[in-house]
Amino acid sequence: MNNRDQFGRPCDSVNYGRQDFTAVEWDDTTTANVIYLRGDYSDQCVIQKVDKTARKITWAYGAWANRASLEYGTDRLVRG
């Protein structure tokens, strides 16, 4: 039984199975001109990176603590 959706989110995630993204936490202090948005409170979670300079939104899946060093995909989630 697969308990994750197509984006790797666990079934108890607020965003499970949804195309829309609802952030439960954000960080705009780690990297200049970047906002990181966390998809749920799991240690490994979907993270959205909003680059205000490049005007680009990218996605990654990984530990919130490593948000600044994750590999972000351009329009789809990068799975590690």
Protein backbone atom coordinates (compact mmCIF):
# COMPACT_ATOMS: atom_id res chain seq x y z
CA MET A 1 0.00 0.00 0.00
CA ASN A 2 1.38 3.38 -1.04
CA ASN A 3 0.73 6.02 1.60
CA ARG A 4 2.15 8.94 -0.39
CA ASP A 5 0.63 10.96 -3.19
CA GLN A 6 2.23 11.66 -6.60
CA PHE A 7 4.32 14.45 -5.02
CA GLY A 8 5.70 12.25 -2.23
CA ARG A 9 3.52 13.83 0.46
CA PRO A 10 2.37 11.56 3.31
CA CYS A 11 -1.33 10.92 3.81
CA ASP A 12 -1.41 13.10 6.95
CA SER A 13 -0.10 16.13 5.02
CA VAL A 14 -2.41 19.11 4.68
CA ASN A 15 -1.57 19.02 0.95
CA TYR A 16 -2.04 15.27 0.37
CA GLY A 17 -3.39 14.59 -3.14
CA ARG A 18 -3.94 18.25 -3.96
CA GLN A 19 -2.58 20.14 -6.94
CA ASP A 20 -2.80 23.35 -4.89
CA PHE A 21 -0.13 24.06 -2.31
CA THR A 22 -0.89 25.34 1.18
CA ALA A 23 2.13 26.39 3.22
CA VAL A 24 2.22 25.54 6.92
CA GLU A 25 5.42 27.52 7.53
CA TRP A 26 7.66 29.87 5.58
CA ASP A 27 11.16 31.29 5.81
CA ASP A 28 12.30 34.51 4.18
CA THR A 29 15.52 34.99 6.16
CA THR A 30 17.81 32.08 5.16
CA THR A 31 18.56 33.22 1.60
CA ALA A 32 18.34 36.80 0.31
CA ASN A 33 15.36 37.42 -2.01
CA VAL A 34 14.07 33.86 -1.55
CA ILE A 35 11.02 32.61 0.33
CA TYR A 36 10.86 28.92 1.29
CA LEU A 37 7.39 27.45 1.89
CA ARG A 38 6.92 24.20 3.77
CA GLY A 39 4.11 21.85 2.75
CA ASP A 40 3.70 20.02 6.06
CA TYR A 41 5.41 19.52 9.40
CA SER A 42 7.09 16.18 8.59
CA ASP A 43 10.89 16.21 8.75
CA GLN A 44 10.95 15.26 5.05
CA CYS A 45 8.43 17.43 3.23
CA VAL A 46 7.60 19.21 -0.01
CA ILE A 47 9.28 22.62 -0.10
CA GLN A 48 8.48 25.40 -2.52
CA LYS A 49 11.20 27.95 -3.27
CA VAL A 50 10.10 31.37 -4.50
CA ASP A 51 13.00 33.33 -5.98
CA LYS A 52 11.89 36.95 -6.02
CA THR A 53 14.84 38.11 -8.13
CA ALA A 54 14.47 35.50 -10.88
CA ARG A 55 10.65 35.47 -10.47
CA LYS A 56 10.74 31.70 -10.43
CA ILE A 57 8.99 29.05 -8.32
CA THR A 58 10.67 25.66 -7.93
CA TRP A 59 10.07 22.56 -5.80
CA ALA A 60 12.05 20.02 -3.79
CA TYR A 61 11.41 17.20 -1.36
CA GLY A 62 13.67 16.96 1.64
CA ALA A 63 14.42 18.03 5.18
CA TRP A 64 13.22 21.51 6.10
CA ALA A 65 16.54 22.09 7.87
CA ASN A 66 18.33 21.56 4.52
CA ARG A 67 16.02 23.82 2.49
CA ALA A 68 18.80 26.13 1.29
CA SER A 69 20.94 23.29 -0.08
CA LEU A 70 18.32 21.03 -1.71
CA GLU A 71 18.16 20.48 -5.46
CA TYR A 72 15.04 22.25 -6.73
CA GLY A 73 13.26 21.26 -9.93
CA THR A 74 12.05 23.80 -12.43
CA ASP A 75 8.38 22.87 -12.73
CA ARG A 76 8.06 19.45 -11.11
CA LEU A 77 9.08 17.98 -7.84
CA VAL A 78 12.62 16.59 -7.74
CA ARG A 79 12.68 13.27 -5.90
CA GLY A 80 15.83 12.24 -4.15
